[in-house]
Amino acid sequence: MTLWRGRDPLILASQSRARQMLLANAGLRCEAVPAEIDERGAQQASGLLAPGEIAALLAREKALWVSARHSRGYVIGADQTLALEQRLFSKPAGRAQAAEQLRDLAGRSHELHSAVAVARDGKILFEGVAVARMTMRQLSGAEIRAYLDEAGEAVTSSVGAYQLEGLGVHLFERIEGDHFTILGLPLLPLLAFLRGERLLGV
């Protein structure tokens, strides 16, 4: 089943399984075409420091890169940043760095800034940023080691070394924000835009 009513296919400028799942569960089939951009280079060249602005920039860049190569399709770009006060986190390079990130986040609140942009014919038609506030519980060294043992290589695939839809949920005591934002795609404002464009069947 698909609710998509567009003449051309919906394209997601990402290989993120979580984002693909969110769109599929909402009845939207899409083609995944990852954007080949230098994210860190684009961020540094922009001079932006605010995590929400960085996420928005990268979402736009991804959407525009793919749109330039698929001129007739609606392209969704998305990005997410994790900020602990003024510090921005990247995906951990391995177990040791994952453990370090968890030690830094434990017992504190951090923010996830999730951005979405829609492009068509090389132009941005819509963009938005949503924020979720995540409070991780206090974690002992033994608890961090046990989590890393159980989660395995998956800890290196997400910033902060956790996936809330999986074992990462055990790390938290409080979450403020919607599920879609946490998984990296502000879905409700995206769907509102697509309905406004008469691209959805409901």
N, C-alpha and C. Protein backbone atom coordinates (compact mmCIF):
# COMPACT_ATOMS: atom_id res chain seq x y z
N MET A 1 0.84 -1.20 0.00
CA MET A 1 0.00 0.00 0.00
C MET A 1 0.88 1.24 0.00
N THR A 2 0.49 2.23 -0.74
CA THR A 2 1.16 3.52 -0.69
C THR A 2 0.12 4.63 -0.78
N LEU A 3 0.35 5.69 -0.04
CA LEU A 3 -0.53 6.86 -0.07
C LEU A 3 0.03 7.93 -0.99
N TRP A 4 1.17 7.67 -1.60
CA TRP A 4 1.81 8.66 -2.46
C TRP A 4 1.00 8.88 -3.72
N ARG A 5 0.73 10.14 -4.04
CA ARG A 5 -0.06 10.48 -5.21
C ARG A 5 0.74 11.30 -6.22
N GLY A 6 2.01 11.46 -5.98
CA GLY A 6 2.84 12.21 -6.90
C GLY A 6 3.08 11.45 -8.20
N ARG A 7 3.24 12.19 -9.27
CA ARG A 7 3.49 11.56 -10.56
C ARG A 7 4.87 10.92 -10.59
N ASP A 8 5.81 11.53 -9.92
CA ASP A 8 7.17 11.04 -9.88
C ASP A 8 7.46 10.42 -8.52
N PRO A 9 8.43 9.52 -8.46
CA PRO A 9 8.68 8.82 -7.20
C PRO A 9 9.20 9.74 -6.10
N LEU A 10 8.92 9.35 -4.87
CA LEU A 10 9.46 10.03 -3.70
C LEU A 10 10.86 9.48 -3.45
N ILE A 11 11.81 10.35 -3.20
CA ILE A 11 13.20 9.94 -3.04
C ILE A 11 13.70 10.39 -1.67
N LEU A 12 14.36 9.49 -0.97
CA LEU A 12 14.98 9.81 0.31
C LEU A 12 16.48 9.89 0.09
N ALA A 13 17.07 11.03 0.38
CA ALA A 13 18.50 11.24 0.16
C ALA A 13 19.30 10.68 1.34
N SER A 14 19.11 9.41 1.61
CA SER A 14 19.74 8.79 2.78
C SER A 14 19.62 7.28 2.69
N GLN A 15 20.56 6.59 3.31
CA GLN A 15 20.45 5.13 3.44
C GLN A 15 19.99 4.73 4.84
N SER A 16 19.57 5.70 5.63
CA SER A 16 19.15 5.44 7.01
C SER A 16 17.96 4.48 7.04
N ARG A 17 18.15 3.35 7.67
CA ARG A 17 17.05 2.37 7.78
C ARG A 17 15.93 2.92 8.63
N ALA A 18 16.28 3.68 9.67
CA ALA A 18 15.25 4.24 10.54
C ALA A 18 14.34 5.19 9.77
N ARG A 19 14.93 6.06 8.94
CA ARG A 19 14.13 7.00 8.18
C ARG A 19 13.31 6.28 7.11
N GLN A 20 13.89 5.29 6.46
CA GLN A 20 13.14 4.51 5.49
C GLN A 20 11.95 3.82 6.15
N MET A 21 12.18 3.29 7.36
CA MET A 21 11.11 2.61 8.09
C MET A 21 9.99 3.58 8.46
N LEU A 22 10.34 4.79 8.89
CA LEU A 22 9.32 5.76 9.27
C LEU A 22 8.44 6.10 8.07
N LEU A 23 9.05 6.31 6.91
CA LEU A 23 8.27 6.64 5.72
C LEU A 23 7.43 5.46 5.26
N ALA A 24 8.01 4.26 5.29
CA ALA A 24 7.27 3.07 4.88
C ALA A 24 6.09 2.81 5.80
N ASN A 25 6.29 2.96 7.11
CA ASN A 25 5.21 2.74 8.06
C ASN A 25 4.09 3.77 7.91
N ALA A 26 4.44 4.94 7.36
CA ALA A 26 3.43 5.98 7.10
C ALA A 26 2.77 5.78 5.74
N GLY A 27 3.07 4.67 5.07
CA GLY A 27 2.43 4.36 3.79
C GLY A 27 3.09 5.00 2.59
N LEU A 28 4.34 5.44 2.75
CA LEU A 28 5.06 6.11 1.66
C LEU A 28 6.23 5.25 1.21
N ARG A 29 6.12 4.72 0.01
CA ARG A 29 7.26 4.00 -0.56
C ARG A 29 8.18 5.01 -1.20
N CYS A 30 9.47 4.85 -1.00
CA CYS A 30 10.41 5.79 -1.58
C CYS A 30 11.67 5.07 -2.02
N GLU A 31 12.36 5.69 -2.92
CA GLU A 31 13.65 5.20 -3.38
C GLU A 31 14.73 5.86 -2.54
N ALA A 32 15.66 5.08 -2.01
CA ALA A 32 16.75 5.62 -1.21
C ALA A 32 17.95 5.88 -2.11
N VAL A 33 18.36 7.14 -2.18
CA VAL A 33 19.51 7.55 -2.99
C VAL A 33 20.42 8.38 -2.08
N PRO A 34 21.46 7.79 -1.52
CA PRO A 34 22.31 8.54 -0.59
C PRO A 34 23.03 9.70 -1.28
N ALA A 35 23.10 10.81 -0.59
CA ALA A 35 23.79 12.00 -1.10
C ALA A 35 25.28 11.87 -0.80
N GLU A 36 26.09 12.09 -1.79
CA GLU A 36 27.54 11.98 -1.63
C GLU A 36 28.12 13.37 -1.40
N ILE A 37 27.94 13.84 -0.18
CA ILE A 37 28.46 15.17 0.16
C ILE A 37 29.46 15.03 1.30
N ASP A 38 30.34 16.00 1.40
CA ASP A 38 31.31 16.07 2.49
C ASP A 38 30.65 16.84 3.63
N GLU A 39 30.06 16.11 4.56
CA GLU A 39 29.28 16.76 5.61
C GLU A 39 30.14 17.67 6.48
N ARG A 40 31.29 17.16 6.92
CA ARG A 40 32.15 17.98 7.79
C ARG A 40 32.70 19.18 7.03
N GLY A 41 33.02 18.98 5.75
CA GLY A 41 33.51 20.10 4.95
C GLY A 41 32.46 21.17 4.78
N ALA A 42 31.22 20.75 4.51
CA ALA A 42 30.12 21.71 4.34
C ALA A 42 29.87 22.47 5.63
N GLN A 43 29.94 21.76 6.75
CA GLN A 43 29.73 22.40 8.05
C GLN A 43 30.81 23.43 8.33
N GLN A 44 32.06 23.06 8.11
CA GLN A 44 33.17 23.97 8.38
C GLN A 44 33.12 25.19 7.46
N ALA A 45 32.80 24.96 6.19
CA ALA A 45 32.74 26.07 5.25
C ALA A 45 31.63 27.05 5.59
N SER A 46 30.55 26.57 6.19
CA SER A 46 29.41 27.43 6.52
C SER A 46 29.70 28.36 7.69
N GLY A 47 30.58 27.93 8.58
CA GLY A 47 30.86 28.71 9.78
C GLY A 47 29.78 28.60 10.84
N LEU A 48 28.78 27.76 10.61
CA LEU A 48 27.68 27.62 11.57
C LEU A 48 28.14 26.86 12.81
N LEU A 49 27.60 27.26 13.96
CA LEU A 49 27.94 26.60 15.22
C LEU A 49 26.71 26.01 15.91
N ALA A 50 25.54 26.61 15.70
CA ALA A 50 24.32 26.14 16.36
C ALA A 50 23.93 24.77 15.81
N PRO A 51 23.67 23.78 16.66
CA PRO A 51 23.38 22.42 16.19
C PRO A 51 22.17 22.33 15.27
N GLY A 52 21.11 23.11 15.55
CA GLY A 52 19.93 23.08 14.69
C GLY A 52 20.22 23.64 13.31
N GLU A 53 21.03 24.68 13.25
CA GLU A 53 21.39 25.28 11.96
C GLU A 53 22.28 24.34 11.14
N ILE A 54 23.16 23.64 11.82
CA ILE A 54 24.03 22.67 11.13
C ILE A 54 23.19 21.54 10.55
N ALA A 55 22.26 21.01 11.34
CA ALA A 55 21.39 19.94 10.86
C ALA A 55 20.57 20.41 9.66
N ALA A 56 20.05 21.64 9.72
CA ALA A 56 19.26 22.18 8.61
C ALA A 56 20.11 22.34 7.36
N LEU A 57 21.33 22.84 7.52
CA LEU A 57 22.24 22.99 6.38
C LEU A 57 22.48 21.65 5.69
N LEU A 58 22.79 20.62 6.48
CA LEU A 58 23.12 19.33 5.89
C LEU A 58 21.90 18.67 5.26
N ALA A 59 20.72 18.86 5.85
CA ALA A 59 19.50 18.34 5.23
C ALA A 59 19.28 18.98 3.87
N ARG A 60 19.47 20.30 3.79
CA ARG A 60 19.33 21.00 2.50
C ARG A 60 20.35 20.51 1.48
N GLU A 61 21.60 20.39 1.91
CA GLU A 61 22.66 19.97 0.99
C GLU A 61 22.39 18.58 0.43
N LYS A 62 21.92 17.68 1.28
CA LYS A 62 21.61 16.32 0.82
C LYS A 62 20.46 16.34 -0.19
N ALA A 63 19.40 17.07 0.14
CA ALA A 63 18.24 17.14 -0.76
C ALA A 63 18.64 17.74 -2.11
N LEU A 64 19.42 18.79 -2.09
CA LEU A 64 19.81 19.46 -3.33
C LEU A 64 20.76 18.60 -4.17
N TRP A 65 21.66 17.89 -3.51
CA TRP A 65 22.61 17.03 -4.25
C TRP A 65 21.86 15.96 -5.04
N VAL A 66 20.90 15.31 -4.38
CA VAL A 66 20.14 14.25 -5.05
C VAL A 66 19.18 14.86 -6.07
N SER A 67 18.57 15.99 -5.74
CA SER A 67 17.62 16.63 -6.65
C SER A 67 18.30 17.01 -7.97
N ALA A 68 19.55 17.41 -7.90
CA ALA A 68 20.28 17.79 -9.11
C ALA A 68 20.46 16.61 -10.05
N ARG A 69 20.34 15.40 -9.51
CA ARG A 69 20.54 14.19 -10.31
C ARG A 69 19.23 13.46 -10.60
N HIS A 70 18.14 13.91 -9.97
CA HIS A 70 16.81 13.35 -10.19
C HIS A 70 15.86 14.54 -10.32
N SER A 71 15.90 15.19 -11.44
CA SER A 71 15.31 16.52 -11.57
C SER A 71 13.80 16.56 -11.36
N ARG A 72 13.08 15.46 -11.60
CA ARG A 72 11.62 15.54 -11.52
C ARG A 72 11.06 15.02 -10.20
N GLY A 73 11.87 14.41 -9.39
CA GLY A 73 11.34 13.81 -8.17
C GLY A 73 11.35 14.76 -6.98
N TYR A 74 10.47 14.49 -6.01
CA TYR A 74 10.51 15.17 -4.72
C TYR A 74 11.55 14.44 -3.87
N VAL A 75 12.52 15.19 -3.38
CA VAL A 75 13.65 14.60 -2.64
C VAL A 75 13.61 15.07 -1.20
N ILE A 76 13.67 14.10 -0.28
CA ILE A 76 13.70 14.41 1.14
C ILE A 76 15.14 14.28 1.64
N GLY A 77 15.65 15.37 2.20
CA GLY A 77 16.95 15.34 2.87
C GLY A 77 16.72 15.45 4.36
N ALA A 78 17.55 14.76 5.14
CA ALA A 78 17.40 14.82 6.59
C ALA A 78 18.76 14.70 7.25
N ASP A 79 18.87 15.31 8.42
CA ASP A 79 20.11 15.20 9.19
C ASP A 79 19.78 15.41 10.66
N GLN A 80 20.68 14.93 11.50
CA GLN A 80 20.47 15.06 12.93
C GLN A 80 21.79 15.36 13.63
N THR A 81 21.76 16.25 14.60
CA THR A 81 22.94 16.52 15.41
C THR A 81 22.61 16.22 16.87
N LEU A 82 23.63 15.80 17.61
CA LEU A 82 23.50 15.59 19.04
C LEU A 82 24.38 16.61 19.73
N ALA A 83 23.77 17.38 20.63
CA ALA A 83 24.51 18.43 21.33
C ALA A 83 24.39 18.25 22.83
N LEU A 84 25.52 18.22 23.50
CA LEU A 84 25.59 18.25 24.96
C LEU A 84 26.11 19.63 25.32
N GLU A 85 25.19 20.52 25.71
CA GLU A 85 25.51 21.93 25.89
C GLU A 85 26.11 22.45 24.58
N GLN A 86 27.36 22.88 24.57
CA GLN A 86 27.95 23.44 23.34
C GLN A 86 28.74 22.40 22.54
N ARG A 87 28.82 21.19 23.03
CA ARG A 87 29.63 20.17 22.37
C ARG A 87 28.79 19.35 21.42
N LEU A 88 29.26 19.21 20.17
CA LEU A 88 28.60 18.36 19.19
C LEU A 88 29.29 17.01 19.12
N PHE A 89 28.49 15.96 19.03
CA PHE A 89 29.01 14.60 18.98
C PHE A 89 28.96 14.07 17.55
N SER A 90 29.89 13.19 17.21
CA SER A 90 29.88 12.45 15.96
C SER A 90 29.72 10.97 16.28
N LYS A 91 29.52 10.15 15.24
CA LYS A 91 29.42 8.71 15.47
C LYS A 91 30.73 8.20 16.05
N PRO A 92 30.67 7.35 17.08
CA PRO A 92 31.91 6.82 17.66
C PRO A 92 32.66 5.94 16.67
N ALA A 93 33.98 6.05 16.68
CA ALA A 93 34.81 5.29 15.74
C ALA A 93 34.96 3.83 16.15
N GLY A 94 34.71 3.53 17.40
CA GLY A 94 34.83 2.16 17.88
C GLY A 94 34.32 2.04 19.30
N ARG A 95 34.53 0.89 19.90
CA ARG A 95 34.00 0.63 21.24
C ARG A 95 34.54 1.62 22.27
N ALA A 96 35.83 1.92 22.23
CA ALA A 96 36.42 2.81 23.22
C ALA A 96 35.79 4.19 23.16
N GLN A 97 35.58 4.70 21.96
CA GLN A 97 34.97 6.02 21.81
C GLN A 97 33.49 5.98 22.19
N ALA A 98 32.82 4.85 21.90
CA ALA A 98 31.43 4.70 22.32
C ALA A 98 31.31 4.75 23.83
N ALA A 99 32.22 4.08 24.53
CA ALA A 99 32.22 4.09 25.99
C ALA A 99 32.46 5.50 26.52
N GLU A 100 33.36 6.23 25.86
CA GLU A 100 33.65 7.60 26.27
C GLU A 100 32.42 8.49 26.11
N GLN A 101 31.71 8.34 25.00
CA GLN A 101 30.50 9.14 24.79
C GLN A 101 29.45 8.83 25.84
N LEU A 102 29.28 7.57 26.15
CA LEU A 102 28.28 7.18 27.15
C LEU A 102 28.66 7.72 28.53
N ARG A 103 29.93 7.70 28.86
CA ARG A 103 30.35 8.27 30.15
C ARG A 103 30.05 9.77 30.20
N ASP A 104 30.26 10.46 29.08
CA ASP A 104 30.02 11.90 29.05
C ASP A 104 28.52 12.22 29.11
N LEU A 105 27.69 11.38 28.52
CA LEU A 105 26.25 11.64 28.47
C LEU A 105 25.52 11.17 29.72
N ALA A 106 26.07 10.20 30.43
CA ALA A 106 25.40 9.59 31.58
C ALA A 106 25.07 10.63 32.65
N GLY A 107 23.82 10.58 33.13
CA GLY A 107 23.39 11.47 34.19
C GLY A 107 23.12 12.90 33.75
N ARG A 108 23.13 13.15 32.45
CA ARG A 108 22.96 14.50 31.93
C ARG A 108 21.91 14.51 30.82
N SER A 109 21.47 15.72 30.48
CA SER A 109 20.50 15.89 29.40
C SER A 109 21.21 16.42 28.15
N HIS A 110 20.87 15.84 27.00
CA HIS A 110 21.40 16.34 25.73
C HIS A 110 20.24 16.54 24.77
N GLU A 111 20.52 17.19 23.66
CA GLU A 111 19.47 17.50 22.68
C GLU A 111 19.78 16.86 21.33
N LEU A 112 18.74 16.36 20.70
CA LEU A 112 18.81 15.89 19.33
C LEU A 112 18.08 16.90 18.45
N HIS A 113 18.78 17.45 17.49
CA HIS A 113 18.20 18.40 16.54
C HIS A 113 18.03 17.67 15.21
N SER A 114 16.78 17.44 14.81
CA SER A 114 16.50 16.71 13.58
C SER A 114 15.93 17.67 12.55
N ALA A 115 16.54 17.68 11.37
CA ALA A 115 16.13 18.59 10.30
C ALA A 115 15.65 17.81 9.10
N VAL A 116 14.70 18.41 8.37
CA VAL A 116 14.20 17.82 7.13
C VAL A 116 14.09 18.93 6.09
N ALA A 117 14.38 18.59 4.84
CA ALA A 117 14.22 19.52 3.73
C ALA A 117 13.69 18.74 2.54
N VAL A 118 12.85 19.38 1.75
CA VAL A 118 12.31 18.77 0.53
C VAL A 118 12.72 19.64 -0.65
N ALA A 119 13.31 19.01 -1.65
CA ALA A 119 13.74 19.72 -2.85
C ALA A 119 13.09 19.11 -4.08
N ARG A 120 12.93 19.94 -5.09
CA ARG A 120 12.49 19.47 -6.40
C ARG A 120 13.05 20.41 -7.46
N ASP A 121 13.55 19.84 -8.52
CA ASP A 121 14.15 20.63 -9.60
C ASP A 121 15.25 21.56 -9.07
N GLY A 122 16.01 21.07 -8.10
CA GLY A 122 17.13 21.85 -7.60
C GLY A 122 16.77 23.00 -6.68
N LYS A 123 15.51 23.05 -6.19
CA LYS A 123 15.08 24.13 -5.30
C LYS A 123 14.49 23.55 -4.02
N ILE A 124 14.76 24.21 -2.91
CA ILE A 124 14.18 23.80 -1.63
C ILE A 124 12.75 24.32 -1.54
N LEU A 125 11.82 23.40 -1.33
CA LEU A 125 10.40 23.76 -1.22
C LEU A 125 9.93 23.84 0.23
N PHE A 126 10.60 23.12 1.10
CA PHE A 126 10.16 23.04 2.50
C PHE A 126 11.34 22.65 3.35
N GLU A 127 11.40 23.19 4.57
CA GLU A 127 12.40 22.74 5.54
C GLU A 127 11.91 23.03 6.95
N GLY A 128 12.44 22.26 7.89
CA GLY A 128 12.07 22.45 9.28
C GLY A 128 13.02 21.70 10.20
N VAL A 129 13.04 22.12 11.46
CA VAL A 129 13.90 21.50 12.46
C VAL A 129 13.07 21.24 13.72
N ALA A 130 13.22 20.06 14.30
CA ALA A 130 12.55 19.72 15.55
C ALA A 130 13.60 19.27 16.56
N VAL A 131 13.29 19.45 17.85
CA VAL A 131 14.27 19.15 18.90
C VAL A 131 13.66 18.18 19.92
N ALA A 132 14.46 17.22 20.33
CA ALA A 132 14.08 16.31 21.42
C ALA A 132 15.14 16.42 22.51
N ARG A 133 14.70 16.42 23.76
CA ARG A 133 15.62 16.50 24.90
C ARG A 133 15.67 15.14 25.58
N MET A 134 16.87 14.60 25.71
CA MET A 134 17.07 13.24 26.20
C MET A 134 17.88 13.27 27.50
N THR A 135 17.37 12.65 28.54
CA THR A 135 18.09 12.58 29.80
C THR A 135 18.51 11.15 30.07
N MET A 136 19.82 10.92 30.05
CA MET A 136 20.36 9.60 30.28
C MET A 136 20.52 9.36 31.77
N ARG A 137 20.24 8.16 32.21
CA ARG A 137 20.39 7.86 33.64
C ARG A 137 21.87 7.71 34.01
N GLN A 138 22.14 7.75 35.28
CA GLN A 138 23.50 7.49 35.74
C GLN A 138 23.89 6.07 35.36
N LEU A 139 25.10 5.91 34.87
CA LEU A 139 25.57 4.59 34.43
C LEU A 139 26.92 4.29 35.05
N SER A 140 27.03 3.12 35.65
CA SER A 140 28.32 2.70 36.18
C SER A 140 29.19 2.16 35.04
N GLY A 141 30.46 2.00 35.32
CA GLY A 141 31.36 1.43 34.33
C GLY A 141 30.91 0.03 33.93
N ALA A 142 30.44 -0.73 34.90
CA ALA A 142 29.99 -2.10 34.61
C ALA A 142 28.74 -2.09 33.73
N GLU A 143 27.84 -1.13 33.97
CA GLU A 143 26.63 -1.04 33.15
C GLU A 143 26.96 -0.65 31.72
N ILE A 144 27.90 0.27 31.55
CA ILE A 144 28.32 0.67 30.20
C ILE A 144 28.95 -0.50 29.47
N ARG A 145 29.80 -1.25 30.15
CA ARG A 145 30.43 -2.42 29.52
C ARG A 145 29.39 -3.46 29.14
N ALA A 146 28.42 -3.69 30.01
CA ALA A 146 27.38 -4.68 29.71
C ALA A 146 26.55 -4.25 28.51
N TYR A 147 26.22 -2.96 28.44
CA TYR A 147 25.45 -2.45 27.30
C TYR A 147 26.25 -2.61 26.01
N LEU A 148 27.52 -2.24 26.04
CA LEU A 148 28.36 -2.34 24.85
C LEU A 148 28.52 -3.79 24.41
N ASP A 149 28.65 -4.70 25.36
CA ASP A 149 28.76 -6.12 25.02
C ASP A 149 27.51 -6.59 24.29
N GLU A 150 26.36 -6.18 24.79
CA GLU A 150 25.08 -6.64 24.23
C GLU A 150 24.76 -5.97 22.90
N ALA A 151 25.04 -4.67 22.79
CA ALA A 151 24.70 -3.93 21.57
C ALA A 151 25.65 -4.22 20.42
N GLY A 152 26.88 -4.54 20.73
CA GLY A 152 27.84 -4.91 19.69
C GLY A 152 28.19 -3.76 18.75
N GLU A 153 28.39 -4.09 17.48
CA GLU A 153 28.83 -3.11 16.49
C GLU A 153 27.80 -2.01 16.23
N ALA A 154 26.55 -2.25 16.62
CA ALA A 154 25.50 -1.25 16.37
C ALA A 154 25.81 0.08 17.04
N VAL A 155 26.63 0.07 18.10
CA VAL A 155 26.90 1.33 18.81
C VAL A 155 27.68 2.32 17.96
N THR A 156 28.36 1.85 16.93
CA THR A 156 29.14 2.76 16.08
C THR A 156 28.32 3.35 14.94
N SER A 157 27.07 2.93 14.81
CA SER A 157 26.25 3.41 13.70
C SER A 157 25.40 4.61 14.07
N SER A 158 25.42 5.03 15.34
CA SER A 158 24.59 6.16 15.77
C SER A 158 25.39 7.09 16.67
N VAL A 159 25.15 8.38 16.49
CA VAL A 159 25.77 9.37 17.37
C VAL A 159 25.30 9.12 18.80
N GLY A 160 26.21 9.21 19.76
CA GLY A 160 25.85 8.97 21.15
C GLY A 160 25.92 7.51 21.52
N ALA A 161 26.20 6.62 20.56
CA ALA A 161 26.38 5.19 20.79
C ALA A 161 25.10 4.48 21.22
N TYR A 162 23.95 5.05 20.84
CA TYR A 162 22.69 4.38 21.20
C TYR A 162 21.68 4.48 20.07
N GLN A 163 20.77 3.53 20.04
CA GLN A 163 19.61 3.55 19.15
C GLN A 163 18.39 3.36 20.05
N LEU A 164 17.60 4.40 20.17
CA LEU A 164 16.49 4.36 21.12
C LEU A 164 15.47 3.28 20.75
N GLU A 165 15.36 2.97 19.46
CA GLU A 165 14.40 1.95 19.05
C GLU A 165 14.89 0.54 19.37
N GLY A 166 16.11 0.44 19.89
CA GLY A 166 16.67 -0.87 20.25
C GLY A 166 17.09 -0.87 21.71
N LEU A 167 18.26 -1.43 21.98
CA LEU A 167 18.73 -1.57 23.36
C LEU A 167 19.02 -0.23 24.03
N GLY A 168 19.20 0.81 23.22
CA GLY A 168 19.51 2.12 23.78
C GLY A 168 18.44 2.66 24.71
N VAL A 169 17.23 2.16 24.61
CA VAL A 169 16.15 2.64 25.47
C VAL A 169 16.47 2.40 26.95
N HIS A 170 17.29 1.39 27.23
CA HIS A 170 17.64 1.07 28.63
C HIS A 170 18.52 2.14 29.27
N LEU A 171 19.08 3.03 28.47
CA LEU A 171 20.01 4.03 28.99
C LEU A 171 19.33 5.27 29.53
N PHE A 172 18.02 5.41 29.32
CA PHE A 172 17.36 6.70 29.57
C PHE A 172 16.38 6.66 30.73
N GLU A 173 16.25 7.83 31.38
CA GLU A 173 15.25 7.98 32.43
C GLU A 173 14.15 8.95 32.04
N ARG A 174 14.43 9.83 31.06
CA ARG A 174 13.39 10.79 30.64
C ARG A 174 13.65 11.22 29.20
N ILE A 175 12.54 11.37 28.45
CA ILE A 175 12.63 11.80 27.06
C ILE A 175 11.54 12.85 26.81
N GLU A 176 11.92 13.98 26.23
CA GLU A 176 10.98 15.04 25.88
C GLU A 176 11.09 15.29 24.37
N GLY A 177 10.04 14.93 23.65
CA GLY A 177 10.08 15.08 22.20
C GLY A 177 9.43 13.88 21.55
N ASP A 178 9.07 14.01 20.28
CA ASP A 178 8.36 12.91 19.65
C ASP A 178 9.31 11.86 19.09
N HIS A 179 8.76 10.69 18.92
CA HIS A 179 9.51 9.52 18.47
C HIS A 179 10.19 9.76 17.12
N PHE A 180 9.52 10.46 16.23
CA PHE A 180 10.04 10.68 14.89
C PHE A 180 11.28 11.58 14.92
N THR A 181 11.23 12.60 15.74
CA THR A 181 12.38 13.49 15.88
C THR A 181 13.58 12.73 16.41
N ILE A 182 13.35 11.87 17.38
CA ILE A 182 14.43 11.09 17.98
C ILE A 182 15.07 10.16 16.94
N LEU A 183 14.26 9.63 16.04
CA LEU A 183 14.78 8.73 15.02
C LEU A 183 15.35 9.47 13.81
N GLY A 184 15.30 10.79 13.83
CA GLY A 184 16.01 11.57 12.82
C GLY A 184 15.19 12.10 11.67
N LEU A 185 13.84 12.14 11.81
CA LEU A 185 13.01 12.67 10.74
C LEU A 185 11.76 13.32 11.32
N PRO A 186 11.65 14.66 11.30
CA PRO A 186 10.43 15.32 11.79
C PRO A 186 9.25 14.99 10.87
N LEU A 187 8.60 13.89 11.13
CA LEU A 187 7.65 13.32 10.18
C LEU A 187 6.35 14.12 10.08
N LEU A 188 5.82 14.59 11.19
CA LEU A 188 4.52 15.25 11.14
C LEU A 188 4.55 16.53 10.31
N PRO A 189 5.51 17.43 10.48
CA PRO A 189 5.55 18.60 9.58
C PRO A 189 5.84 18.23 8.14
N LEU A 190 6.60 17.16 7.91
CA LEU A 190 6.85 16.70 6.55
C LEU A 190 5.55 16.24 5.90
N LEU A 191 4.76 15.45 6.61
CA LEU A 191 3.49 14.97 6.06
C LEU A 191 2.53 16.13 5.81
N ALA A 192 2.54 17.12 6.69
CA ALA A 192 1.67 18.29 6.50
C ALA A 192 2.05 19.01 5.21
N PHE A 193 3.34 19.14 4.95
CA PHE A 193 3.77 19.78 3.70
C PHE A 193 3.32 18.96 2.49
N LEU A 194 3.52 17.65 2.54
CA LEU A 194 3.15 16.80 1.40
C LEU A 194 1.63 16.83 1.15
N ARG A 195 0.85 16.90 2.22
CA ARG A 195 -0.60 17.03 2.03
C ARG A 195 -0.95 18.35 1.38
N GLY A 196 -0.25 19.41 1.82
CA GLY A 196 -0.49 20.71 1.22
C GLY A 196 -0.17 20.77 -0.26
N GLU A 197 0.76 19.91 -0.68
CA GLU A 197 1.12 19.82 -2.09
C GLU A 197 0.21 18.84 -2.85
N ARG A 198 -0.78 18.29 -2.15
CA ARG A 198 -1.70 17.30 -2.71
C ARG A 198 -0.96 16.06 -3.22
N LEU A 199 0.01 15.64 -2.45
CA LEU A 199 0.83 14.49 -2.83
C LEU A 199 0.45 13.23 -2.05
N LEU A 200 -0.46 13.37 -1.10
CA LEU A 200 -0.87 12.23 -0.28
C LEU A 200 -2.35 11.95 -0.49
N GLY A 201 -2.70 10.66 -0.35
CA GLY A 201 -4.08 10.25 -0.57
C GLY A 201 -4.93 10.29 0.67
N VAL A 202 -4.46 10.88 1.73
CA VAL A 202 -5.26 10.98 2.95
C VAL A 202 -4.95 12.30 3.65
